[in-house]
Amino acid sequence: MWFKNLSVFRLTEAFTLTPEELEQKLEPLAFRTCGSHEEFTFGWTSPLGKTGQQLVHNTNGFIMLCGKKEERVLPAAVINEIVQEKIIEKEEHEARKLSKKERTEIKDEIIFDLLPKAFTFTRKIYAYVDPKGGWLIVDAASAKSAEDLLSMLRKSLGSLPAVPLNTIDKPITTMTDWLLNNKAPDDITIEDECELRSPEEAGGIIRCKRHDLALPEIKNHLDTGKEVIKLAVSWADRLSFIIDENLSVKRLRFLDLIQDQVADIETDDEAAQFDVDFSIMSAELSSFLPRLIELFGGENKA
């Protein structure tokens, strides 16, 4: 259940719903499977999976949610091949070229016919609300997935004043300075991965993995004007991650200091283990986020 990515949103108004009130608001949009002619469905499911019934899970004031999306798989190549066959067949039969509208209608008909036969796959997007800290944190690798969940939450609640995390200093400027001067804050260790980009439009990008970022060749790229848009770091020997130009955290790992806390707590079942993991993770992130903001000059609330 440990989050692997962090898309962080600031709640601009106090979140006052109790877990019970939130549960009631989520119920009308509880997950259901795709109908025979639906391309996808998206709804709320229990964060605990098959072992849970509730759509929210509350631990120490942190409220976990889980969105579930089911999609039907219709490969574009397969659709296009069938469409072309139908178009050629009809054009030969009628001895004329079909209009764009007619071609679109043929494609729509084929998709309609194929949808009930298509395979489906599901994925879950976890998030939690930190009412005290004023955060919504989504475990999403892409901005679109995070926005999908945020949109559904707004639909359930009627509104949710929340904006992406924004800092006074630009992450690009700060990370470039760390690498250029080979000096990061004391609790930040620069790891062995980065991505550099030239600032001009459509500028070149250089990706480095498993590479000593203190070597002169990296500094040479920075001296010519390239900027750091992604950087692998660790924080206080507790977390390791990649931070990008939008303050999104990718490939988050909770290091031994955290995992030792988990190992010291014995549990009897999956639900109890989920509770332990969530409790330790949320407490750790509630300490980390203020420091993340501080690293980039403080929060920009303008």
C-alpha atoms as a PDB file:
ATOM      1  CA  MET A   1       0.000   0.000   0.000  1.00  0.00           C
ATOM      2  CA  TRP A   2       3.034   2.264   0.320  1.00  0.00           C
ATOM      3  CA  PHE A   3       2.743   5.204  -2.066  1.00  0.00           C
ATOM      4  CA  LYS A   4       5.260   5.150  -4.909  1.00  0.00           C
ATOM      5  CA  ASN A   5       4.453   8.601  -6.319  1.00  0.00           C
ATOM      6  CA  LEU A   6       3.207  11.832  -4.798  1.00  0.00           C
ATOM      7  CA  SER A   7       1.041  14.379  -6.569  1.00  0.00           C
ATOM      8  CA  VAL A   8       0.463  16.960  -3.846  1.00  0.00           C
ATOM      9  CA  PHE A   9      -2.469  19.362  -3.726  1.00  0.00           C
ATOM     10  CA  ARG A  10      -2.984  22.164  -1.222  1.00  0.00           C
ATOM     11  CA  LEU A  11      -6.504  22.379   0.200  1.00  0.00           C
ATOM     12  CA  THR A  12      -7.292  26.090   0.103  1.00  0.00           C
ATOM     13  CA  GLU A  13     -10.198  25.719   2.530  1.00  0.00           C
ATOM     14  CA  ALA A  14     -10.465  23.637   5.696  1.00  0.00           C
ATOM     15  CA  PHE A  15     -11.588  20.043   5.124  1.00  0.00           C
ATOM     16  CA  THR A  16     -14.310  19.606   7.738  1.00  0.00           C
ATOM     17  CA  LEU A  17     -16.058  16.392   6.695  1.00  0.00           C
ATOM     18  CA  THR A  18     -15.870  13.500   9.125  1.00  0.00           C
ATOM     19  CA  PRO A  19     -14.974  10.065   7.697  1.00  0.00           C
ATOM     20  CA  GLU A  20     -18.609   9.053   8.108  1.00  0.00           C
ATOM     21  CA  GLU A  21     -19.857  12.121   6.212  1.00  0.00           C
ATOM     22  CA  LEU A  22     -17.299  11.554   3.473  1.00  0.00           C
ATOM     23  CA  GLU A  23     -18.372   7.919   3.168  1.00  0.00           C
ATOM     24  CA  GLN A  24     -21.954   9.004   2.534  1.00  0.00           C
ATOM     25  CA  LYS A  25     -20.893  11.421  -0.190  1.00  0.00           C
ATOM     26  CA  LEU A  26     -18.766   8.809  -1.971  1.00  0.00           C
ATOM     27  CA  GLU A  27     -21.413   6.069  -1.984  1.00  0.00           C
ATOM     28  CA  PRO A  28     -23.412   7.345  -5.018  1.00  0.00           C
ATOM     29  CA  LEU A  29     -20.249   7.018  -7.138  1.00  0.00           C
ATOM     30  CA  ALA A  30     -19.140   3.626  -5.813  1.00  0.00           C
ATOM     31  CA  PHE A  31     -17.354   1.523  -8.425  1.00  0.00           C
ATOM     32  CA  ARG A  32     -19.342  -0.682 -10.782  1.00  0.00           C
ATOM     33  CA  THR A  33     -18.109  -2.844 -13.654  1.00  0.00           C
ATOM     34  CA  CYS A  34     -18.345  -1.714 -17.270  1.00  0.00           C
ATOM     35  CA  GLY A  35     -21.595  -2.209 -19.109  1.00  0.00           C
ATOM     36  CA  SER A  36     -21.381  -4.088 -22.393  1.00  0.00           C
ATOM     37  CA  HIS A  37     -21.069  -0.883 -24.442  1.00  0.00           C
ATOM     38  CA  GLU A  38     -19.137   1.300 -21.987  1.00  0.00           C
ATOM     39  CA  GLU A  39     -15.502   2.047 -22.759  1.00  0.00           C
ATOM     40  CA  PHE A  40     -14.694   2.590 -19.074  1.00  0.00           C
ATOM     41  CA  THR A  41     -16.140   3.151 -15.615  1.00  0.00           C
ATOM     42  CA  PHE A  42     -14.526   4.981 -12.692  1.00  0.00           C
ATOM     43  CA  GLY A  43     -15.770   4.908  -9.100  1.00  0.00           C
ATOM     44  CA  TRP A  44     -14.840   4.564  -5.453  1.00  0.00           C
ATOM     45  CA  THR A  45     -13.803   1.273  -3.884  1.00  0.00           C
ATOM     46  CA  SER A  46     -12.567   0.216  -0.464  1.00  0.00           C
ATOM     47  CA  PRO A  47      -8.892   1.071   0.123  1.00  0.00           C
ATOM     48  CA  LEU A  48      -8.642  -2.248   1.977  1.00  0.00           C
ATOM     49  CA  GLY A  49      -9.618  -4.196  -1.127  1.00  0.00           C
ATOM     50  CA  LYS A  50     -11.566  -7.431  -0.707  1.00  0.00           C
ATOM     51  CA  THR A  51     -11.073  -7.345   3.073  1.00  0.00           C
ATOM     52  CA  GLY A  52     -12.879  -4.021   3.465  1.00  0.00           C
ATOM     53  CA  GLN A  53     -16.373  -2.658   3.001  1.00  0.00           C
ATOM     54  CA  GLN A  54     -15.945   1.043   3.779  1.00  0.00           C
ATOM     55  CA  LEU A  55     -15.046   3.498   1.007  1.00  0.00           C
ATOM     56  CA  VAL A  56     -12.834   5.496   3.387  1.00  0.00           C
ATOM     57  CA  HIS A  57     -10.219   4.359   5.880  1.00  0.00           C
ATOM     58  CA  ASN A  58      -9.376   6.668   8.769  1.00  0.00           C
ATOM     59  CA  THR A  59      -6.150   6.393  10.759  1.00  0.00           C
ATOM     60  CA  ASN A  60      -4.922   9.047  13.205  1.00  0.00           C
ATOM     61  CA  GLY A  61      -6.918  11.739  11.414  1.00  0.00           C
ATOM     62  CA  PHE A  62      -5.677  10.839   7.919  1.00  0.00           C
ATOM     63  CA  ILE A  63      -8.408   9.671   5.527  1.00  0.00           C
ATOM     64  CA  MET A  64      -7.555   7.181   2.766  1.00  0.00           C
ATOM     65  CA  LEU A  65      -9.577   6.924  -0.459  1.00  0.00           C
ATOM     66  CA  CYS A  66      -9.287   4.665  -3.485  1.00  0.00           C
ATOM     67  CA  GLY A  67     -10.582   5.201  -7.001  1.00  0.00           C
ATOM     68  CA  LYS A  68     -10.966   2.202  -9.300  1.00  0.00           C
ATOM     69  CA  LYS A  69     -11.110   2.394 -13.089  1.00  0.00           C
ATOM     70  CA  GLU A  70     -12.111  -0.415 -15.442  1.00  0.00           C
ATOM     71  CA  GLU A  71     -11.386  -0.016 -19.150  1.00  0.00           C
ATOM     72  CA  ARG A  72     -12.194  -2.087 -22.184  1.00  0.00           C
ATOM     73  CA  VAL A  73      -9.199  -2.826 -24.403  1.00  0.00           C
ATOM     74  CA  LEU A  74      -9.728  -2.194 -28.103  1.00  0.00           C
ATOM     75  CA  PRO A  75      -6.338  -1.995 -29.875  1.00  0.00           C
ATOM     76  CA  ALA A  76      -6.309   0.862 -32.382  1.00  0.00           C
ATOM     77  CA  ALA A  77      -4.475  -1.249 -34.955  1.00  0.00           C
ATOM     78  CA  VAL A  78      -7.223  -3.895 -34.886  1.00  0.00           C
ATOM     79  CA  ILE A  79      -9.997  -1.305 -35.206  1.00  0.00           C
ATOM     80  CA  ASN A  80      -8.247   0.496 -38.068  1.00  0.00           C
ATOM     81  CA  GLU A  81      -7.691  -2.731 -39.986  1.00  0.00           C
ATOM     82  CA  ILE A  82     -11.364  -3.749 -39.751  1.00  0.00           C
ATOM     83  CA  VAL A  83     -12.508  -0.214 -40.611  1.00  0.00           C
ATOM     84  CA  GLN A  84     -10.348  -0.119 -43.737  1.00  0.00           C
ATOM     85  CA  GLU A  85     -11.692  -3.486 -44.863  1.00  0.00           C
ATOM     86  CA  LYS A  86     -15.292  -2.301 -44.424  1.00  0.00           C
ATOM     87  CA  ILE A  87     -14.604   0.978 -46.239  1.00  0.00           C
ATOM     88  CA  ILE A  88     -12.972  -0.752 -49.209  1.00  0.00           C
ATOM     89  CA  GLU A  89     -15.771  -3.307 -49.356  1.00  0.00           C
ATOM     90  CA  LYS A  90     -18.481  -0.637 -49.360  1.00  0.00           C
ATOM     91  CA  GLU A  91     -16.682   1.618 -51.852  1.00  0.00           C
ATOM     92  CA  GLU A  92     -16.250  -1.272 -54.288  1.00  0.00           C
ATOM     93  CA  HIS A  93     -19.861  -2.330 -53.863  1.00  0.00           C
ATOM     94  CA  GLU A  94     -21.222   1.187 -54.422  1.00  0.00           C
ATOM     95  CA  ALA A  95     -18.523   2.258 -56.915  1.00  0.00           C
ATOM     96  CA  ARG A  96     -17.858   5.557 -55.133  1.00  0.00           C
ATOM     97  CA  LYS A  97     -15.675   7.142 -52.503  1.00  0.00           C
ATOM     98  CA  LEU A  98     -17.192   7.396 -49.043  1.00  0.00           C
ATOM     99  CA  SER A  99     -17.388  10.763 -47.313  1.00  0.00           C
ATOM    100  CA  LYS A 100     -15.553  11.517 -44.090  1.00  0.00           C
ATOM    101  CA  LYS A 101     -18.854  11.350 -42.205  1.00  0.00           C
ATOM    102  CA  GLU A 102     -19.595   7.891 -43.624  1.00  0.00           C
ATOM    103  CA  ARG A 103     -16.135   6.635 -42.689  1.00  0.00           C
ATOM    104  CA  THR A 104     -16.629   7.909 -39.130  1.00  0.00           C
ATOM    105  CA  GLU A 105     -20.002   6.193 -38.909  1.00  0.00           C
ATOM    106  CA  ILE A 106     -18.444   2.896 -40.002  1.00  0.00           C
ATOM    107  CA  LYS A 107     -15.769   3.228 -37.318  1.00  0.00           C
ATOM    108  CA  ASP A 108     -18.352   4.027 -34.637  1.00  0.00           C
ATOM    109  CA  GLU A 109     -20.433   1.000 -35.642  1.00  0.00           C
ATOM    110  CA  ILE A 110     -17.429  -1.315 -35.480  1.00  0.00           C
ATOM    111  CA  ILE A 111     -16.418  -0.030 -32.035  1.00  0.00           C
ATOM    112  CA  PHE A 112     -20.003  -0.489 -30.849  1.00  0.00           C
ATOM    113  CA  ASP A 113     -19.996  -4.095 -32.111  1.00  0.00           C
ATOM    114  CA  LEU A 114     -16.576  -4.930 -30.647  1.00  0.00           C
ATOM    115  CA  LEU A 115     -16.936  -3.359 -27.188  1.00  0.00           C
ATOM    116  CA  PRO A 116     -18.950  -6.224 -25.599  1.00  0.00           C
ATOM    117  CA  LYS A 117     -16.279  -8.699 -26.746  1.00  0.00           C
ATOM    118  CA  ALA A 118     -13.287  -6.670 -25.547  1.00  0.00           C
ATOM    119  CA  PHE A 119     -11.140  -7.652 -22.581  1.00  0.00           C
ATOM    120  CA  THR A 120     -11.168  -5.362 -19.555  1.00  0.00           C
ATOM    121  CA  PHE A 121      -8.481  -4.364 -17.095  1.00  0.00           C
ATOM    122  CA  THR A 122      -8.655  -2.423 -13.851  1.00  0.00           C
ATOM    123  CA  ARG A 123      -6.331  -0.122 -11.968  1.00  0.00           C
ATOM    124  CA  LYS A 124      -6.579   1.651  -8.651  1.00  0.00           C
ATOM    125  CA  ILE A 125      -5.542   5.161  -7.659  1.00  0.00           C
ATOM    126  CA  TYR A 126      -4.991   5.716  -3.940  1.00  0.00           C
ATOM    127  CA  ALA A 127      -5.097   9.082  -2.218  1.00  0.00           C
ATOM    128  CA  TYR A 128      -5.472  10.433   1.261  1.00  0.00           C
ATOM    129  CA  VAL A 129      -6.661  13.642   2.857  1.00  0.00           C
ATOM    130  CA  ASP A 130      -4.646  15.269   5.625  1.00  0.00           C
ATOM    131  CA  PRO A 131      -7.196  17.695   7.109  1.00  0.00           C
ATOM    132  CA  LYS A 132      -4.805  19.029   9.759  1.00  0.00           C
ATOM    133  CA  GLY A 133      -1.966  19.702   7.332  1.00  0.00           C
ATOM    134  CA  GLY A 134      -4.329  20.841   4.591  1.00  0.00           C
ATOM    135  CA  TRP A 135      -3.196  18.363   1.940  1.00  0.00           C
ATOM    136  CA  LEU A 136      -4.628  15.952  -0.596  1.00  0.00           C
ATOM    137  CA  ILE A 137      -1.946  13.480  -1.649  1.00  0.00           C
ATOM    138  CA  VAL A 138      -2.472  11.222  -4.666  1.00  0.00           C
ATOM    139  CA  ASP A 139      -0.361   8.186  -5.523  1.00  0.00           C
ATOM    140  CA  ALA A 140      -0.281   8.859  -9.266  1.00  0.00           C
ATOM    141  CA  ALA A 141       2.594   8.616 -11.726  1.00  0.00           C
ATOM    142  CA  SER A 142       0.966  11.048 -14.167  1.00  0.00           C
ATOM    143  CA  ALA A 143      -0.721  14.397 -13.781  1.00  0.00           C
ATOM    144  CA  LYS A 144      -3.741  13.089 -15.713  1.00  0.00           C
ATOM    145  CA  SER A 145      -4.340  10.220 -13.272  1.00  0.00           C
ATOM    146  CA  ALA A 146      -4.121  12.618 -10.334  1.00  0.00           C
ATOM    147  CA  GLU A 147      -6.555  15.027 -11.994  1.00  0.00           C
ATOM    148  CA  ASP A 148      -8.940  12.152 -12.812  1.00  0.00           C
ATOM    149  CA  LEU A 149      -9.182  11.279  -9.136  1.00  0.00           C
ATOM    150  CA  LEU A 150      -9.444  14.922  -8.088  1.00  0.00           C
ATOM    151  CA  SER A 151     -12.254  15.492 -10.597  1.00  0.00           C
ATOM    152  CA  MET A 152     -14.199  12.501  -9.299  1.00  0.00           C
ATOM    153  CA  LEU A 153     -13.742  13.685  -5.722  1.00  0.00           C
ATOM    154  CA  ARG A 154     -15.054  17.114  -6.684  1.00  0.00           C
ATOM    155  CA  LYS A 155     -18.036  15.438  -8.336  1.00  0.00           C
ATOM    156  CA  SER A 156     -18.758  13.478  -5.150  1.00  0.00           C
ATOM    157  CA  LEU A 157     -18.377  16.476  -2.843  1.00  0.00           C
ATOM    158  CA  GLY A 158     -19.858  19.153  -5.086  1.00  0.00           C
ATOM    159  CA  SER A 159     -16.635  21.155  -4.822  1.00  0.00           C
ATOM    160  CA  LEU A 160     -13.132  20.792  -3.453  1.00  0.00           C
ATOM    161  CA  PRO A 161     -10.916  23.882  -3.391  1.00  0.00           C
ATOM    162  CA  ALA A 162      -7.501  22.367  -4.080  1.00  0.00           C
ATOM    163  CA  VAL A 163      -4.513  23.524  -6.138  1.00  0.00           C
ATOM    164  CA  PRO A 164      -1.201  21.871  -7.059  1.00  0.00           C
ATOM    165  CA  LEU A 165       1.665  22.495  -4.657  1.00  0.00           C
ATOM    166  CA  ASN A 166       3.497  25.697  -5.574  1.00  0.00           C
ATOM    167  CA  THR A 167       6.702  27.107  -4.086  1.00  0.00           C
ATOM    168  CA  ILE A 168       8.358  30.509  -4.145  1.00  0.00           C
ATOM    169  CA  ASP A 169      11.558  29.226  -5.764  1.00  0.00           C
ATOM    170  CA  LYS A 170      11.344  27.311  -9.027  1.00  0.00           C
ATOM    171  CA  PRO A 171      12.409  23.675  -8.566  1.00  0.00           C
ATOM    172  CA  ILE A 172      14.459  23.880 -11.781  1.00  0.00           C
ATOM    173  CA  THR A 173      16.525  26.789 -10.434  1.00  0.00           C
ATOM    174  CA  THR A 174      17.106  25.194  -7.042  1.00  0.00           C
ATOM    175  CA  MET A 175      18.020  21.740  -8.361  1.00  0.00           C
ATOM    176  CA  THR A 176      20.329  23.232 -10.980  1.00  0.00           C
ATOM    177  CA  ASP A 177      22.102  25.198  -8.241  1.00  0.00           C
ATOM    178  CA  TRP A 178      22.521  22.042  -6.130  1.00  0.00           C
ATOM    179  CA  LEU A 179      24.144  20.194  -8.993  1.00  0.00           C
ATOM    180  CA  LEU A 180      26.142  23.092 -10.414  1.00  0.00           C
ATOM    181  CA  ASN A 181      27.785  23.853  -7.067  1.00  0.00           C
ATOM    182  CA  ASN A 182      27.830  20.211  -5.954  1.00  0.00           C
ATOM    183  CA  LYS A 183      26.250  21.312  -2.689  1.00  0.00           C
ATOM    184  CA  ALA A 184      22.785  20.391  -1.460  1.00  0.00           C
ATOM    185  CA  PRO A 185      21.249  21.016   1.991  1.00  0.00           C
ATOM    186  CA  ASP A 186      22.657  18.819   4.763  1.00  0.00           C
ATOM    187  CA  ASP A 187      19.625  16.503   4.860  1.00  0.00           C
ATOM    188  CA  ILE A 188      19.572  16.008   1.074  1.00  0.00           C
ATOM    189  CA  THR A 189      21.870  13.528  -0.661  1.00  0.00           C
ATOM    190  CA  ILE A 190      22.138  13.730  -4.441  1.00  0.00           C
ATOM    191  CA  GLU A 191      21.910  10.258  -5.960  1.00  0.00           C
ATOM    192  CA  ASP A 192      22.950   8.936  -9.381  1.00  0.00           C
ATOM    193  CA  GLU A 193      20.184  10.022 -11.748  1.00  0.00           C
ATOM    194  CA  CYS A 194      19.109  13.284 -13.358  1.00  0.00           C
ATOM    195  CA  GLU A 195      17.566  14.808 -16.455  1.00  0.00           C
ATOM    196  CA  LEU A 196      18.922  17.998 -18.006  1.00  0.00           C
ATOM    197  CA  ARG A 197      17.196  20.199 -20.575  1.00  0.00           C
ATOM    198  CA  SER A 198      18.231  23.209 -22.607  1.00  0.00           C
ATOM    199  CA  PRO A 199      15.986  26.171 -21.725  1.00  0.00           C
ATOM    200  CA  GLU A 200      15.135  27.156 -25.293  1.00  0.00           C
ATOM    201  CA  GLU A 201      11.926  25.875 -26.873  1.00  0.00           C
ATOM    202  CA  ALA A 202      12.254  22.223 -27.969  1.00  0.00           C
ATOM    203  CA  GLY A 203      15.659  22.200 -26.280  1.00  0.00           C
ATOM    204  CA  GLY A 204      17.762  19.056 -26.125  1.00  0.00           C
ATOM    205  CA  ILE A 205      17.397  16.651 -23.183  1.00  0.00           C
ATOM    206  CA  ILE A 206      20.105  14.544 -21.561  1.00  0.00           C
ATOM    207  CA  ARG A 207      19.203  11.664 -19.226  1.00  0.00           C
ATOM    208  CA  CYS A 208      21.750  10.202 -16.840  1.00  0.00           C
ATOM    209  CA  LYS A 209      21.242   6.966 -14.890  1.00  0.00           C
ATOM    210  CA  ARG A 210      23.650   5.190 -12.575  1.00  0.00           C
ATOM    211  CA  HIS A 211      26.035   8.071 -13.143  1.00  0.00           C
ATOM    212  CA  ASP A 212      28.252  10.083 -10.804  1.00  0.00           C
ATOM    213  CA  LEU A 213      26.620  13.498 -11.069  1.00  0.00           C
ATOM    214  CA  ALA A 214      29.666  15.210  -9.569  1.00  0.00           C
ATOM    215  CA  LEU A 215      31.795  14.440 -12.641  1.00  0.00           C
ATOM    216  CA  PRO A 216      33.007  17.400 -14.764  1.00  0.00           C
ATOM    217  CA  GLU A 217      30.944  16.341 -17.796  1.00  0.00           C
ATOM    218  CA  ILE A 218      27.735  17.091 -15.893  1.00  0.00           C
ATOM    219  CA  LYS A 219      29.012  20.500 -14.842  1.00  0.00           C
ATOM    220  CA  ASN A 220      29.987  21.200 -18.455  1.00  0.00           C
ATOM    221  CA  HIS A 221      26.391  20.685 -19.560  1.00  0.00           C
ATOM    222  CA  LEU A 222      25.181  23.010 -16.797  1.00  0.00           C
ATOM    223  CA  ASP A 223      27.796  25.627 -17.700  1.00  0.00           C
ATOM    224  CA  THR A 224      26.420  25.692 -21.254  1.00  0.00           C
ATOM    225  CA  GLY A 225      22.964  26.543 -19.949  1.00  0.00           C
ATOM    226  CA  LYS A 226      21.222  23.241 -19.437  1.00  0.00           C
ATOM    227  CA  GLU A 227      18.914  23.033 -16.408  1.00  0.00           C
ATOM    228  CA  VAL A 228      17.937  20.203 -14.075  1.00  0.00           C
ATOM    229  CA  ILE A 229      14.320  19.118 -14.596  1.00  0.00           C
ATOM    230  CA  LYS A 230      14.542  15.815 -12.687  1.00  0.00           C
ATOM    231  CA  LEU A 231      16.871  14.792  -9.890  1.00  0.00           C
ATOM    232  CA  ALA A 232      17.213  11.662  -7.767  1.00  0.00           C
ATOM    233  CA  VAL A 233      17.811  12.462  -4.100  1.00  0.00           C
ATOM    234  CA  SER A 234      17.356  11.005  -0.649  1.00  0.00           C
ATOM    235  CA  TRP A 235      16.139  12.861   2.422  1.00  0.00           C
ATOM    236  CA  ALA A 236      17.575  12.330   5.911  1.00  0.00           C
ATOM    237  CA  ASP A 237      18.243   8.634   5.176  1.00  0.00           C
ATOM    238  CA  ARG A 238      14.470   8.116   5.379  1.00  0.00           C
ATOM    239  CA  LEU A 239      13.119   8.597   1.853  1.00  0.00           C
ATOM    240  CA  SER A 240      14.564   8.346  -1.629  1.00  0.00           C
ATOM    241  CA  PHE A 241      12.811   9.693  -4.710  1.00  0.00           C
ATOM    242  CA  ILE A 242      13.011  11.638  -7.947  1.00  0.00           C
ATOM    243  CA  ILE A 243      11.759  15.210  -7.830  1.00  0.00           C
ATOM    244  CA  ASP A 244      10.739  16.918 -11.071  1.00  0.00           C
ATOM    245  CA  GLU A 245      10.197  20.458 -12.277  1.00  0.00           C
ATOM    246  CA  ASN A 246       6.549  20.388 -11.155  1.00  0.00           C
ATOM    247  CA  LEU A 247       7.353  19.233  -7.607  1.00  0.00           C
ATOM    248  CA  SER A 248       5.968  15.777  -8.357  1.00  0.00           C
ATOM    249  CA  VAL A 249       7.681  12.969  -6.473  1.00  0.00           C
ATOM    250  CA  LYS A 250       8.357   9.782  -8.461  1.00  0.00           C
ATOM    251  CA  ARG A 251       9.689   6.351  -7.520  1.00  0.00           C
ATOM    252  CA  LEU A 252       9.336   7.055  -3.821  1.00  0.00           C
ATOM    253  CA  ARG A 253      10.971   4.521  -1.493  1.00  0.00           C
ATOM    254  CA  PHE A 254      10.769   4.399   2.288  1.00  0.00           C
ATOM    255  CA  LEU A 255      14.232   3.463   3.510  1.00  0.00           C
ATOM    256  CA  ASP A 256      15.424   1.160   6.269  1.00  0.00           C
ATOM    257  CA  LEU A 257      14.742   3.583   9.121  1.00  0.00           C
ATOM    258  CA  ILE A 258      11.058   3.507   8.182  1.00  0.00           C
ATOM    259  CA  GLN A 259      10.859  -0.163   7.286  1.00  0.00           C
ATOM    260  CA  ASP A 260      12.384  -1.063  10.665  1.00  0.00           C
ATOM    261  CA  GLN A 261       9.456   0.695  12.367  1.00  0.00           C
ATOM    262  CA  VAL A 262       7.049  -1.480  10.398  1.00  0.00           C
ATOM    263  CA  ALA A 263       8.959  -4.666  11.196  1.00  0.00           C
ATOM    264  CA  ASP A 264       8.819  -3.916  14.921  1.00  0.00           C
ATOM    265  CA  ILE A 265       5.004  -4.030  14.925  1.00  0.00           C
ATOM    266  CA  GLU A 266       3.364  -7.439  14.814  1.00  0.00           C
ATOM    267  CA  THR A 267      -0.045  -7.744  13.141  1.00  0.00           C
ATOM    268  CA  ASP A 268      -2.584 -10.546  12.814  1.00  0.00           C
ATOM    269  CA  ASP A 269      -4.221  -9.852   9.441  1.00  0.00           C
ATOM    270  CA  GLU A 270      -4.129  -7.778   6.245  1.00  0.00           C
ATOM    271  CA  ALA A 271      -6.406  -5.058   7.584  1.00  0.00           C
ATOM    272  CA  ALA A 272      -4.219  -4.537  10.659  1.00  0.00           C
ATOM    273  CA  GLN A 273      -1.089  -4.445   8.483  1.00  0.00           C
ATOM    274  CA  PHE A 274      -2.723  -1.900   6.175  1.00  0.00           C
ATOM    275  CA  ASP A 275      -3.483   0.244   9.210  1.00  0.00           C
ATOM    276  CA  VAL A 276       0.119   0.053  10.422  1.00  0.00           C
ATOM    277  CA  ASP A 277       1.543   0.880   6.997  1.00  0.00           C
ATOM    278  CA  PHE A 278      -0.827   3.782   6.463  1.00  0.00           C
ATOM    279  CA  SER A 279      -0.209   5.187   9.928  1.00  0.00           C
ATOM    280  CA  ILE A 280       3.585   5.157   9.549  1.00  0.00           C
ATOM    281  CA  MET A 281       3.529   6.380   5.950  1.00  0.00           C
ATOM    282  CA  SER A 282       1.168   9.308   6.592  1.00  0.00           C
ATOM    283  CA  ALA A 283       3.089  10.380   9.691  1.00  0.00           C
ATOM    284  CA  GLU A 284       6.356  10.290   7.742  1.00  0.00           C
ATOM    285  CA  LEU A 285       4.954  12.312   4.846  1.00  0.00           C
ATOM    286  CA  SER A 286       3.440  14.872   7.213  1.00  0.00           C
ATOM    287  CA  SER A 287       7.006  15.552   8.394  1.00  0.00           C
ATOM    288  CA  PHE A 288       8.492  15.447   4.908  1.00  0.00           C
ATOM    289  CA  LEU A 289       6.141  17.818   3.064  1.00  0.00           C
ATOM    290  CA  PRO A 290       6.920  20.936   5.150  1.00  0.00           C
ATOM    291  CA  ARG A 291      10.615  20.252   4.600  1.00  0.00           C
ATOM    292  CA  LEU A 292      10.075  19.774   0.856  1.00  0.00           C
ATOM    293  CA  ILE A 293       8.410  23.183   0.701  1.00  0.00           C
ATOM    294  CA  GLU A 294      11.208  24.742   2.734  1.00  0.00           C
ATOM    295  CA  LEU A 295      13.839  23.360   0.341  1.00  0.00           C
ATOM    296  CA  PHE A 296      12.273  25.398  -2.458  1.00  0.00           C
ATOM    297  CA  GLY A 297      11.893  28.693  -0.659  1.00  0.00           C
ATOM    298  CA  GLY A 298       8.563  28.206   1.081  1.00  0.00           C
ATOM    299  CA  GLU A 299       5.015  27.878  -0.169  1.00  0.00           C
ATOM    300  CA  ASN A 300       3.723  30.360  -2.729  1.00  0.00           C
ATOM    301  CA  LYS A 301       0.139  31.074  -1.693  1.00  0.00           C
ATOM    302  CA  ALA A 302      -0.411  33.949  -4.105  1.00  0.00           C
END
